[in-house]
Amino acid sequence: MHPLPLPEPKAVTALTTVGRELWGLAGGSLFTLAPERPGDITVTRLFPDPNWETQASLAWRDGVLLTLAKDPDHVYGTLGNQIFKVNKATKE
């Protein structure tokens, strides 16, 4: 088990591999970790957390992360009603 350094994470809604790292979404935050250093988790706030009280169904299907061969420097994702692009190096 590797607890996320987030205040009250409700659900991890996406998880994928990007290079040698795991990237995931929890609420409005992107988190990354290298399997060989699971205690070293980086978190970047992308959006405010969803309102789980009014949108509880989002917890099981809210986030998607993917990479494209045509754009190897970025990861694309969805969260709620947002589409975003994150730089792999800076995670911004």
Foldseek 3Di string as FASTA:
>chain_A
DADDPDPDFDAWAEWDDQPQWIWTDTFQKIWIDHVVCSNDIDIDRRDHGDPCVVPVVCRHHAKYWDDDPVCSQWIWMGGHPDTDIAGPVPRD
